[in-house]
N, C-alpha and C. Protein backbone atom coordinates (compact mmCIF):
# COMPACT_ATOMS: atom_id res chain seq x y z
N MET A 1 6.18 -21.57 24.43
CA MET A 1 5.86 -20.65 22.83
C MET A 1 4.99 -19.86 22.77
N GLY A 2 4.78 -18.86 22.65
CA GLY A 2 3.31 -18.13 22.80
C GLY A 2 3.56 -17.72 21.14
N ILE A 3 2.07 -17.23 20.72
CA ILE A 3 1.97 -16.75 19.61
C ILE A 3 1.88 -15.34 19.28
N LEU A 4 2.52 -14.76 18.05
CA LEU A 4 2.89 -13.85 17.92
C LEU A 4 2.14 -12.89 17.04
N THR A 5 1.52 -12.03 17.65
CA THR A 5 0.18 -11.20 16.37
C THR A 5 0.93 -9.97 16.23
N MET A 6 0.40 -9.44 15.13
CA MET A 6 0.82 -8.13 14.91
C MET A 6 0.46 -7.49 13.75
N LYS A 7 0.03 -5.82 13.99
CA LYS A 7 -1.13 -4.86 13.43
C LYS A 7 -0.58 -4.97 12.00
N LEU A 8 -0.85 -4.95 10.97
CA LEU A 8 -0.16 -4.57 9.74
C LEU A 8 -0.94 -3.19 9.52
N ARG A 9 -0.01 -2.42 9.04
CA ARG A 9 -0.57 -1.04 8.60
C ARG A 9 -1.25 -0.84 7.40
N GLY A 10 -2.58 -0.14 7.11
CA GLY A 10 -3.32 -0.33 6.41
C GLY A 10 -4.15 -1.40 5.99
N LEU A 11 -4.53 -2.39 7.11
CA LEU A 11 -5.09 -3.62 6.60
C LEU A 11 -5.96 -3.34 7.44
N SER A 12 -7.32 -4.20 6.65
CA SER A 12 -8.35 -4.63 7.21
C SER A 12 -8.99 -6.06 6.42
N GLU A 13 -9.92 -6.31 7.87
CA GLU A 13 -10.56 -7.85 6.91
C GLU A 13 -12.06 -7.65 6.51
N LEU A 14 -11.94 -8.18 5.66
CA LEU A 14 -13.04 -7.88 5.34
C LEU A 14 -14.49 -9.44 5.77
N GLY A 15 -13.27 -10.52 5.74
CA GLY A 15 -14.44 -11.87 6.27
C GLY A 15 -14.31 -12.84 4.95
N GLU A 16 -13.81 -14.04 5.52
CA GLU A 16 -13.57 -15.45 4.20
C GLU A 16 -12.14 -15.48 3.80
N GLY A 17 -11.62 -14.86 4.85
CA GLY A 17 -10.05 -14.70 4.14
C GLY A 17 -9.92 -13.69 3.13
N ARG A 18 -10.43 -13.12 3.03
CA ARG A 18 -10.01 -11.59 2.27
C ARG A 18 -9.77 -10.70 3.42
N ARG A 19 -8.85 -9.85 2.60
CA ARG A 19 -8.51 -8.54 3.43
C ARG A 19 -8.35 -7.21 1.98
N GLU A 20 -8.31 -6.00 2.81
CA GLU A 20 -8.20 -4.84 2.07
C GLU A 20 -6.72 -4.56 2.59
N TYR A 21 -6.13 -3.70 1.27
CA TYR A 21 -4.89 -2.63 2.09
C TYR A 21 -5.49 -1.43 1.40
N ARG A 22 -5.58 -0.53 2.45
CA ARG A 22 -5.66 1.26 2.24
C ARG A 22 -5.17 1.76 3.60
N PRO A 23 -3.76 1.82 3.15
CA PRO A 23 -3.32 2.71 3.82
C PRO A 23 -3.46 4.51 3.82
N ARG A 24 -3.57 4.89 5.08
CA ARG A 24 -3.58 6.77 4.74
C ARG A 24 -2.30 7.26 3.87
N ALA A 25 -3.03 8.34 3.20
CA ALA A 25 -2.02 9.07 2.51
C ALA A 25 -2.35 10.89 2.28
N SER A 26 -1.21 11.76 2.03
CA SER A 26 -1.77 13.52 2.37
C SER A 26 -2.80 13.43 1.24
N GLU A 27 -3.40 14.72 1.47
CA GLU A 27 -4.19 14.96 0.24
C GLU A 27 -3.52 15.26 -0.79
N SER A 28 -2.65 15.78 -1.11
CA SER A 28 -1.22 16.26 -1.86
C SER A 28 -0.54 14.81 -2.93
N VAL A 29 -0.71 13.89 -2.25
CA VAL A 29 0.23 12.33 -2.59
C VAL A 29 -1.16 11.81 -3.39
N ARG A 30 -2.40 12.10 -3.03
CA ARG A 30 -4.12 11.15 -3.22
C ARG A 30 -3.88 11.88 -4.64
N ALA A 31 -3.82 13.64 -5.03
CA ALA A 31 -4.13 14.33 -5.64
C ALA A 31 -3.61 13.92 -6.93
N LYS A 32 -2.10 13.55 -6.67
CA LYS A 32 -1.16 13.60 -7.73
C LYS A 32 -1.47 11.88 -8.20
N ILE A 33 -1.51 11.28 -7.26
CA ILE A 33 -1.35 9.78 -7.80
C ILE A 33 -2.69 9.39 -8.55
N GLY A 34 -4.02 10.72 -8.23
CA GLY A 34 -5.09 10.25 -9.04
C GLY A 34 -6.72 9.55 -8.58
N GLU A 35 -6.29 9.28 -7.08
CA GLU A 35 -7.57 8.21 -6.40
C GLU A 35 -7.90 8.71 -5.67
N SER A 36 -9.13 8.99 -5.13
CA SER A 36 -9.11 9.24 -3.89
C SER A 36 -8.76 8.53 -2.19
N ALA A 37 -8.74 7.12 -2.84
CA ALA A 37 -8.52 5.98 -1.56
C ALA A 37 -7.57 5.16 -2.40
N TRP A 38 -6.42 5.12 -2.23
CA TRP A 38 -5.45 4.19 -2.63
C TRP A 38 -5.89 2.51 -1.78
N LYS A 39 -6.71 2.06 -2.78
CA LYS A 39 -6.84 0.33 -1.93
C LYS A 39 -6.47 -1.08 -2.64
N ARG A 40 -6.22 -1.58 -2.36
CA ARG A 40 -5.78 -2.85 -3.27
C ARG A 40 -6.46 -4.74 -2.19
N GLY A 41 -7.30 -4.92 -2.58
CA GLY A 41 -7.58 -6.35 -2.35
C GLY A 41 -6.36 -7.61 -1.79
N ILE A 42 -7.03 -8.08 -1.59
CA ILE A 42 -5.70 -9.12 -0.84
C ILE A 42 -6.61 -10.76 -0.36
N LYS A 43 -6.34 -11.45 -0.96
CA LYS A 43 -7.19 -13.09 -1.01
C LYS A 43 -5.67 -14.07 -0.53
N ALA A 44 -5.55 -14.35 0.93
CA ALA A 44 -4.52 -15.36 1.74
C ALA A 44 -4.77 -16.42 1.32
N ARG A 45 -4.53 -17.55 1.54
CA ARG A 45 -4.60 -18.79 2.13
C ARG A 45 -4.21 -19.00 3.55
N SER A 46 -3.00 -18.87 3.38
CA SER A 46 -2.29 -18.98 4.45
C SER A 46 -1.72 -17.13 5.38
N ASP A 47 -1.12 -17.61 6.62
CA ASP A 47 0.05 -16.26 7.04
C ASP A 47 0.79 -15.86 6.34
N ALA A 48 1.85 -17.17 5.99
CA ALA A 48 2.98 -16.55 4.92
C ALA A 48 2.34 -16.03 3.80
N ASP A 49 1.48 -16.34 2.74
CA ASP A 49 1.14 -15.69 1.73
C ASP A 49 0.63 -14.30 1.71
N LEU A 50 -0.37 -13.74 3.09
CA LEU A 50 -0.30 -12.60 3.11
C LEU A 50 0.47 -11.85 3.08
N LEU A 51 1.19 -12.20 4.16
CA LEU A 51 2.69 -11.59 4.71
C LEU A 51 3.58 -11.22 3.04
N ARG A 52 2.87 -12.41 2.15
CA ARG A 52 4.09 -12.36 0.93
C ARG A 52 3.09 -10.99 -0.04
N GLN A 53 2.05 -10.79 -0.24
CA GLN A 53 1.09 -10.09 -0.86
C GLN A 53 1.08 -8.75 0.17
N TYR A 54 1.03 -8.94 1.17
CA TYR A 54 1.42 -7.18 2.16
C TYR A 54 2.11 -6.38 1.28
N GLY A 55 3.80 -7.54 1.36
CA GLY A 55 4.96 -6.78 1.40
C GLY A 55 4.96 -6.09 -0.37
N ARG A 56 4.21 -7.11 -1.19
CA ARG A 56 4.24 -6.15 -2.51
C ARG A 56 3.24 -5.08 -2.81
N VAL A 57 2.10 -5.49 -2.10
CA VAL A 57 1.15 -4.04 -2.09
C VAL A 57 1.11 -2.66 -1.52
N GLU A 58 2.39 -3.36 -0.30
CA GLU A 58 2.99 -2.04 0.00
C GLU A 58 4.15 -1.65 -0.66
N ALA A 59 5.07 -2.38 -1.03
CA ALA A 59 5.94 -1.26 -1.70
C ALA A 59 5.38 -1.01 -3.11
N GLU A 60 4.61 -1.42 -3.64
CA GLU A 60 3.95 -0.74 -4.79
C GLU A 60 3.11 0.35 -4.32
N PHE A 61 2.61 0.55 -3.17
CA PHE A 61 2.03 1.83 -2.32
C PHE A 61 3.56 2.94 -2.60
N GLU A 62 4.46 2.86 -1.73
CA GLU A 62 5.43 3.28 -1.31
C GLU A 62 6.05 4.22 -2.51
N ARG A 63 5.95 3.06 -3.97
CA ARG A 63 6.53 3.48 -4.68
C ARG A 63 6.14 4.60 -5.22
N GLU A 64 4.57 4.03 -5.46
CA GLU A 64 3.50 5.18 -6.23
C GLU A 64 3.94 6.60 -5.03
N VAL A 65 3.62 6.63 -4.21
CA VAL A 65 4.00 7.90 -2.90
C VAL A 65 5.23 8.45 -2.86
N LEU A 66 6.15 7.93 -3.21
CA LEU A 66 7.79 8.79 -3.66
C LEU A 66 7.99 8.92 -4.52
N ALA A 67 6.88 8.37 -5.80
CA ALA A 67 7.04 9.09 -7.51
C ALA A 67 6.08 10.66 -7.31
N ALA A 68 4.93 10.76 -6.56
CA ALA A 68 4.01 12.06 -6.06
C ALA A 68 5.05 13.17 -5.06
N LYS A 69 5.43 12.69 -4.74
CA LYS A 69 6.30 13.47 -4.09
C LYS A 69 7.70 14.04 -4.18
N VAL A 70 8.04 13.37 -5.52
CA VAL A 70 9.34 14.01 -6.26
C VAL A 70 9.02 15.16 -7.26
N PRO A 71 9.83 15.94 -6.83
CA PRO A 71 9.05 17.24 -8.36
C PRO A 71 9.79 17.20 -9.59
N GLU A 72 8.82 17.52 -10.11
CA GLU A 72 8.44 17.44 -11.72
C GLU A 72 10.07 18.06 -11.76
N GLN A 73 11.41 17.03 -12.76
CA GLN A 73 12.12 17.87 -13.23
C GLN A 73 12.09 18.33 -14.78
N LYS A 74 12.67 19.64 -15.00
CA LYS A 74 12.69 19.65 -16.47
C LYS A 74 13.95 19.61 -16.88
N LEU A 75 13.69 19.63 -18.18
CA LEU A 75 15.03 18.86 -19.08
C LEU A 75 15.86 20.32 -19.31
N ALA A 76 17.00 20.19 -19.02
CA ALA A 76 18.60 21.58 -19.30
C ALA A 76 18.24 21.57 -20.86
N ARG A 77 18.71 22.38 -20.89
CA ARG A 77 19.01 23.09 -22.76
C ARG A 77 20.08 22.82 -22.76
N ARG A 78 20.59 22.26 -23.76
CA ARG A 78 22.09 22.23 -23.70
C ARG A 78 22.99 22.89 -24.86
């Protein structure tokens, strides 16, 4: 049985078990989010913990990107 390795999108290693999630986003999305670079720190003790935390921060990023892409809705008059 071999070892499976994979590269997680936007994840970089800082050293001593610390990692940083810093995905790429378009200029328009960054402007709407209000941050020049969206990043979150991850400190994991195991690979399983890393995958759990990675899943959480990636979902948070995807929610913010989706919210930034949705056009502002105007309230209809009744």
